[in-house]
Amino acid sequence: MSSTDLNFSAYKHFSISEWRTLRHDMPLNVSNDELRQLGGINEPVSIEEVKDVYVPLAEYLRIHFNHLQSLKKERASFFNSKEQEPPFIIGLAGSVAVGKSTTARILQRILSHWLGNISVDLVTTDGFLYPNETLLDKGIMNKKGFPESYDRNALMTFLHDIKNRRPNVKCPVYSHLTYSILPDEWQVIDRPEILIVEGLNVLQTNFTGTDETPVVISDYFDFSIYLDADVEVIENWYIERFLKLKETAFTNPLSYFKNYAHLNHEEAISTAKKIWTEINHKNLHENIAPTKVRADLIFHKSKDHRIDEVLLRNT
């Protein structure tokens, strides 16, 4: 589903030329070298795009953040409470290979710089995937990345603890090298003012449960973003990334995918297409893309990875 298929009554549409005019006088202190480090595999991002696209978004998010801070103070005064109020949580969703990690890192960098002593942390829901052993036991190894492959209870507990300002909340660490959770390794999140949560299915609502009023992941979000592109374009990006990894990460003897390093070019393309069709495209079609309409903001990307349109929810 293209962003142009959405009900425009719910979204205000911006071309990039229109969106860039929303940038005001906020400085941008990001070098080309740093931007290369923030970027992902085959995901080029230019300084111009950061200025034209990400800076206006960061300014808009700062408005939301400041408004929430003001609301917190008034609410604390009303209840005569001295308890710390919950952090501002941003959810970021989208397909495999669409560039979520790059977008999340750039946003974290800009918001951290602008807001000074405000702490901005970033977590990925990859850490809440079940370990490979569990996925094999459940018979869903071929559905890794689908909603049922996540330890939803652990993820919901994590978000609950973050929202309730618990100190030193642990998040499991996922290794793309071993393709599983790293045992006894943790990312510790200690009461940030802003938390970015990036993942495939963070806008999902169709979890099954017994609660009459089930809580979903996005209930903890104060703002949500969906990163979008045409399906054929994302497939090409996935294949390009697979070929790049075949020459780099897959050559590591510790890599879960080390056997793919020995494929010739044609075999690698065929393998990547098979994985895309049987797993990633199916997950995108059935689970990820339908959640796009729940996002507060949608970035649509063209085939050269540049964001070419922005949809901002009216309501």
Protein backbone atom coordinates (compact mmCIF):
# COMPACT_ATOMS: atom_id res chain seq x y z
CA MET A 1 0.00 0.00 0.00
CA SER A 2 1.53 3.31 -1.08
CA SER A 3 1.26 6.38 1.08
CA THR A 4 -0.83 7.87 -1.71
CA ASP A 5 -3.46 5.19 -1.02
CA LEU A 6 -4.14 6.50 2.47
CA ASN A 7 -7.20 8.48 3.41
CA PHE A 8 -5.86 12.00 3.11
CA SER A 9 -8.57 13.35 5.39
CA ALA A 10 -6.55 11.89 8.26
CA TYR A 11 -3.17 13.22 7.07
CA LYS A 12 -1.73 16.48 5.85
CA HIS A 13 0.56 15.84 2.90
CA PHE A 14 3.89 17.62 2.42
CA SER A 15 6.26 17.48 -0.49
CA ILE A 16 9.89 17.74 0.61
CA SER A 17 10.07 21.29 -0.74
CA GLU A 18 7.13 22.16 1.52
CA TRP A 19 8.43 20.21 4.49
CA ARG A 20 11.88 21.83 4.42
CA THR A 21 10.31 25.28 4.82
CA LEU A 22 9.20 24.23 8.31
CA ARG A 23 12.80 24.24 9.47
CA HIS A 24 13.57 27.34 11.49
CA ASP A 25 16.86 28.50 12.94
CA MET A 26 17.95 25.40 14.81
CA PRO A 27 21.65 24.67 14.25
CA LEU A 28 22.80 21.33 12.82
CA ASN A 29 26.05 20.10 14.29
CA VAL A 30 26.54 16.83 12.40
CA SER A 31 29.58 16.20 10.21
CA ASN A 32 29.68 14.03 7.10
CA ASP A 33 31.95 11.58 8.92
CA GLU A 34 29.49 11.26 11.79
CA LEU A 35 26.60 10.87 9.37
CA ARG A 36 28.39 7.97 7.68
CA GLN A 37 28.67 6.27 11.08
CA LEU A 38 24.97 6.83 11.76
CA GLY A 39 23.95 5.37 8.40
CA GLY A 40 23.26 1.70 7.78
CA ILE A 41 24.37 -0.74 5.09
CA ASN A 42 23.49 0.67 1.65
CA GLU A 43 21.50 3.48 3.31
CA PRO A 44 23.13 6.74 2.19
CA VAL A 45 21.97 9.87 3.99
CA SER A 46 23.21 13.34 3.07
CA ILE A 47 23.60 16.43 5.19
CA GLU A 48 21.04 18.10 2.94
CA GLU A 49 18.45 15.43 3.69
CA VAL A 50 19.09 15.71 7.41
CA LYS A 51 18.53 19.47 7.17
CA ASP A 52 15.47 19.22 4.90
CA VAL A 53 13.72 16.24 6.53
CA TYR A 54 15.03 15.27 9.94
CA VAL A 55 15.54 18.73 11.38
CA PRO A 56 11.90 19.80 10.80
CA LEU A 57 10.78 16.49 12.34
CA ALA A 58 13.02 17.02 15.36
CA GLU A 59 11.65 20.54 15.77
CA TYR A 60 8.10 19.20 15.61
CA LEU A 61 8.95 16.51 18.17
CA ARG A 62 10.45 19.16 20.43
CA ILE A 63 7.11 20.98 20.39
CA HIS A 64 5.40 17.78 21.54
CA PHE A 65 8.08 17.15 24.15
CA ASN A 66 7.89 20.69 25.58
CA HIS A 67 4.10 20.54 25.65
CA LEU A 68 4.26 17.26 27.55
CA GLN A 69 6.77 18.71 30.01
CA SER A 70 4.42 21.63 30.69
CA LEU A 71 1.49 19.26 31.11
CA LYS A 72 3.53 17.17 33.57
CA LYS A 73 4.21 20.21 35.75
CA GLU A 74 0.57 21.27 35.77
CA ARG A 75 -0.57 17.73 36.50
CA ALA A 76 1.94 17.39 39.36
CA SER A 77 0.71 20.67 40.80
CA PHE A 78 -2.91 19.58 40.49
CA PHE A 79 -2.27 16.32 42.32
CA ASN A 80 0.22 17.91 44.71
CA SER A 81 2.68 15.24 43.60
CA LYS A 82 6.46 15.28 43.64
CA GLU A 83 6.83 12.06 41.68
CA GLN A 84 8.74 12.18 38.42
CA GLU A 85 6.51 12.03 35.38
CA PRO A 86 6.98 9.41 32.63
CA PRO A 87 9.34 9.91 29.69
CA PHE A 88 8.40 10.90 26.15
CA ILE A 89 8.44 7.72 24.05
CA ILE A 90 8.72 7.71 20.25
CA GLY A 91 7.80 4.55 18.32
CA LEU A 92 9.36 3.89 14.93
CA ALA A 93 7.95 1.13 12.68
CA GLY A 94 8.53 -0.18 9.16
CA SER A 95 9.73 -3.10 7.07
CA VAL A 96 13.01 -4.93 7.14
CA ALA A 97 15.62 -3.03 5.06
CA VAL A 98 13.63 0.22 4.92
CA GLY A 99 16.12 2.16 7.07
CA LYS A 100 14.52 2.27 10.54
CA SER A 101 17.81 1.99 12.43
CA THR A 102 19.39 4.86 10.49
CA THR A 103 16.36 7.09 11.07
CA ALA A 104 16.33 6.23 14.78
CA ARG A 105 20.04 6.99 15.22
CA ILE A 106 19.79 10.31 13.38
CA LEU A 107 16.81 11.38 15.48
CA GLN A 108 18.59 10.39 18.67
CA ARG A 109 21.66 12.39 17.64
CA ILE A 110 19.72 15.55 16.73
CA LEU A 111 17.41 15.50 19.77
CA SER A 112 20.32 14.82 22.15
CA HIS A 113 22.24 17.77 20.73
CA TRP A 114 19.37 20.23 20.76
CA LEU A 115 17.92 19.38 24.13
CA GLY A 116 21.25 19.65 25.93
CA ASN A 117 21.18 17.80 29.23
CA ILE A 118 18.04 15.86 28.25
CA SER A 119 18.84 12.15 27.95
CA VAL A 120 17.68 10.45 24.75
CA ASP A 121 18.00 6.65 24.62
CA LEU A 122 17.33 4.21 21.80
CA VAL A 123 16.26 0.57 21.95
CA THR A 124 15.31 -1.91 19.26
CA THR A 125 12.67 -4.55 19.77
CA ASP A 126 15.07 -7.12 18.27
CA GLY A 127 16.20 -7.65 21.86
CA PHE A 128 12.76 -9.00 22.71
CA LEU A 129 12.73 -11.71 20.04
CA TYR A 130 12.63 -15.17 21.54
CA PRO A 131 16.02 -16.92 21.43
CA ASN A 132 16.49 -19.22 18.46
CA GLU A 133 16.11 -22.29 20.67
CA THR A 134 12.68 -21.10 21.77
CA LEU A 135 11.63 -20.28 18.21
CA LEU A 136 12.66 -23.78 17.12
CA ASP A 137 10.73 -25.34 20.02
CA LYS A 138 7.66 -23.33 19.06
CA GLY A 139 8.06 -24.28 15.40
CA ILE A 140 8.15 -20.64 14.28
CA MET A 141 11.79 -20.13 13.28
CA ASN A 142 10.51 -19.32 9.78
CA LYS A 143 8.38 -16.55 11.31
CA LYS A 144 11.17 -14.67 13.02
CA GLY A 145 10.15 -11.00 13.06
CA PHE A 146 6.43 -11.83 13.00
CA PRO A 147 4.45 -10.65 16.06
CA GLU A 148 4.36 -14.14 17.59
CA SER A 149 8.18 -14.38 17.56
CA TYR A 150 8.54 -11.71 20.26
CA ASP A 151 8.41 -12.14 24.01
CA ARG A 152 5.58 -9.65 24.27
CA ASN A 153 5.30 -9.96 28.04
CA ALA A 154 8.97 -9.04 28.46
CA LEU A 155 8.61 -6.09 26.07
CA MET A 156 5.46 -4.82 27.78
CA THR A 157 7.10 -5.17 31.20
CA PHE A 158 10.10 -3.21 29.92
CA LEU A 159 7.91 -0.36 28.61
CA HIS A 160 5.82 -0.36 31.79
CA ASP A 161 8.96 -0.01 33.89
CA ILE A 162 10.28 2.78 31.65
CA LYS A 163 7.00 4.71 31.81
CA ASN A 164 6.98 4.35 35.59
CA ARG A 165 10.52 5.76 35.85
CA ARG A 166 12.07 2.61 37.26
CA PRO A 167 15.88 2.93 37.45
CA ASN A 168 18.30 0.79 35.46
CA VAL A 169 15.76 -1.15 33.42
CA LYS A 170 17.38 -4.00 31.49
CA CYS A 171 16.80 -4.66 27.81
CA PRO A 172 18.10 -7.89 26.20
CA VAL A 173 20.77 -7.49 23.52
CA TYR A 174 20.35 -9.03 20.08
CA SER A 175 23.30 -10.00 17.89
CA HIS A 176 22.91 -9.76 14.12
CA LEU A 177 26.09 -11.81 13.90
CA THR A 178 24.80 -14.85 15.79
CA TYR A 179 21.19 -14.06 14.82
CA SER A 180 19.95 -14.50 18.38
CA ILE A 181 19.80 -12.99 21.85
CA LEU A 182 23.15 -12.71 23.61
CA PRO A 183 22.91 -14.56 26.95
CA ASP A 184 23.72 -12.50 30.05
CA GLU A 185 24.19 -9.27 28.07
CA TRP A 186 21.95 -6.28 28.65
CA GLN A 187 21.38 -2.72 27.59
CA VAL A 188 20.55 -0.71 30.69
CA ILE A 189 18.13 2.21 30.36
CA ASP A 190 18.12 4.56 33.34
CA ARG A 191 15.16 6.94 33.41
CA PRO A 192 15.62 8.83 30.11
CA GLU A 193 13.55 11.89 29.32
CA ILE A 194 13.09 10.59 25.76
CA LEU A 195 13.15 6.99 24.54
CA ILE A 196 13.04 5.92 20.88
CA VAL A 197 11.66 2.40 20.38
CA GLU A 198 12.41 1.00 16.92
CA GLY A 199 10.98 -2.23 15.55
CA LEU A 200 9.01 -3.99 12.84
CA ASN A 201 5.75 -4.47 14.71
CA VAL A 202 5.64 -1.71 17.33
CA LEU A 203 2.30 -0.42 16.00
CA GLN A 204 0.61 -3.84 16.14
CA THR A 205 -2.81 -4.20 17.75
CA ASN A 206 -3.80 -7.76 16.85
CA PHE A 207 -2.15 -9.59 19.73
CA THR A 208 -4.33 -12.22 21.30
CA GLY A 209 -4.93 -12.20 25.02
CA THR A 210 -7.45 -12.76 27.75
CA ASP A 211 -7.69 -9.20 29.04
CA GLU A 212 -10.95 -7.41 28.33
CA THR A 213 -9.00 -4.22 27.67
CA PRO A 214 -5.62 -5.46 26.40
CA VAL A 215 -2.70 -3.05 26.39
CA VAL A 216 -0.64 -2.86 23.20
CA ILE A 217 2.90 -1.61 22.70
CA SER A 218 1.87 1.67 21.10
CA ASP A 219 -0.22 2.59 24.15
CA TYR A 220 3.10 3.62 25.69
CA PHE A 221 4.01 5.92 22.79
CA ASP A 222 3.64 9.68 22.81
CA PHE A 223 4.44 9.91 19.09
CA SER A 224 4.78 7.31 16.34
CA ILE A 225 6.55 7.23 12.97
CA TYR A 226 6.22 4.79 10.07
CA LEU A 227 8.99 4.54 7.49
CA ASP A 228 7.51 3.56 4.13
CA ALA A 229 8.54 2.71 0.58
CA ASP A 230 7.05 0.80 -2.34
CA VAL A 231 7.27 -2.96 -1.81
CA GLU A 232 9.34 -3.61 -4.96
CA VAL A 233 11.83 -0.97 -3.84
CA ILE A 234 12.21 -2.49 -0.37
CA GLU A 235 12.77 -5.91 -1.93
CA ASN A 236 15.61 -4.50 -4.03
CA TRP A 237 17.14 -2.89 -0.94
CA TYR A 238 16.91 -6.20 0.91
CA ILE A 239 18.68 -8.05 -1.91
CA GLU A 240 21.37 -5.36 -2.14
CA ARG A 241 21.94 -5.58 1.62
CA PHE A 242 22.12 -9.37 1.47
CA LEU A 243 24.78 -9.19 -1.24
CA LYS A 244 26.76 -6.68 0.80
CA LEU A 245 26.56 -8.84 3.93
CA LYS A 246 27.65 -11.88 1.91
CA GLU A 247 30.94 -10.11 1.25
CA THR A 248 31.34 -8.78 4.80
CA ALA A 249 29.53 -10.02 7.93
CA PHE A 250 28.68 -13.46 6.51
CA THR A 251 32.40 -14.22 6.06
CA ASN A 252 32.86 -14.17 9.85
CA PRO A 253 33.14 -17.79 11.09
CA LEU A 254 30.83 -16.87 13.99
CA SER A 255 28.09 -15.65 11.67
CA TYR A 256 24.82 -17.58 11.72
CA PHE A 257 24.74 -17.06 7.94
CA LYS A 258 28.36 -18.07 7.25
CA ASN A 259 27.26 -20.71 4.74
CA TYR A 260 25.82 -17.96 2.55
CA ALA A 261 29.29 -16.43 2.12
CA HIS A 262 30.20 -19.20 -0.34
CA LEU A 263 27.27 -18.59 -2.69
CA ASN A 264 28.05 -17.19 -6.10
CA HIS A 265 26.33 -13.99 -7.20
CA GLU A 266 23.36 -15.65 -8.88
CA GLU A 267 22.85 -18.08 -5.99
CA ALA A 268 22.97 -15.23 -3.49
CA ILE A 269 20.32 -13.26 -5.38
CA SER A 270 18.10 -16.32 -5.62
CA THR A 271 18.51 -17.03 -1.89
CA ALA A 272 17.78 -13.43 -0.93
CA LYS A 273 14.63 -13.40 -3.08
CA LYS A 274 13.46 -16.64 -1.51
CA ILE A 275 13.95 -15.32 2.04
CA TRP A 276 12.24 -12.07 1.11
CA THR A 277 9.23 -13.79 -0.48
CA GLU A 278 8.69 -16.46 2.15
CA ILE A 279 9.38 -14.39 5.28
CA ASN A 280 9.92 -10.65 4.99
CA HIS A 281 7.37 -9.80 2.31
CA LYS A 282 4.78 -11.99 3.99
CA ASN A 283 5.41 -10.27 7.33
CA LEU A 284 5.24 -6.85 5.69
CA HIS A 285 1.98 -7.65 3.91
CA GLU A 286 0.23 -9.38 6.80
CA ASN A 287 1.50 -7.53 9.86
CA ILE A 288 3.59 -4.42 9.27
CA ALA A 289 2.03 -2.44 6.40
CA PRO A 290 -1.51 -2.59 7.86
CA THR A 291 -0.26 -0.65 10.90
CA LYS A 292 0.90 2.31 8.80
CA VAL A 293 -2.41 4.12 9.22
CA ARG A 294 -1.86 4.20 12.99
CA ALA A 295 1.27 6.32 12.76
CA ASP A 296 1.32 10.01 13.64
CA LEU A 297 3.80 10.65 10.84
CA ILE A 298 4.77 8.71 7.72
CA PHE A 299 8.03 9.16 5.81
CA HIS A 300 7.87 7.76 2.27
CA LYS A 301 11.19 6.94 0.59
CA SER A 302 12.04 6.81 -3.11
CA LYS A 303 14.23 4.12 -4.68
CA ASP A 304 17.41 6.16 -4.05
CA HIS A 305 16.66 5.99 -0.28
CA ARG A 306 15.71 9.66 -0.11
CA ILE A 307 12.53 10.64 1.71
CA ASP A 308 10.29 12.16 -0.94
CA GLU A 309 7.04 12.87 0.93
CA VAL A 310 5.77 13.35 4.45
CA LEU A 311 2.30 12.63 5.81
CA LEU A 312 1.40 14.16 9.17
CA ARG A 313 -1.73 13.12 11.01
CA ASN A 314 -4.31 15.89 11.30
CA THR A 315 -5.98 14.54 14.42
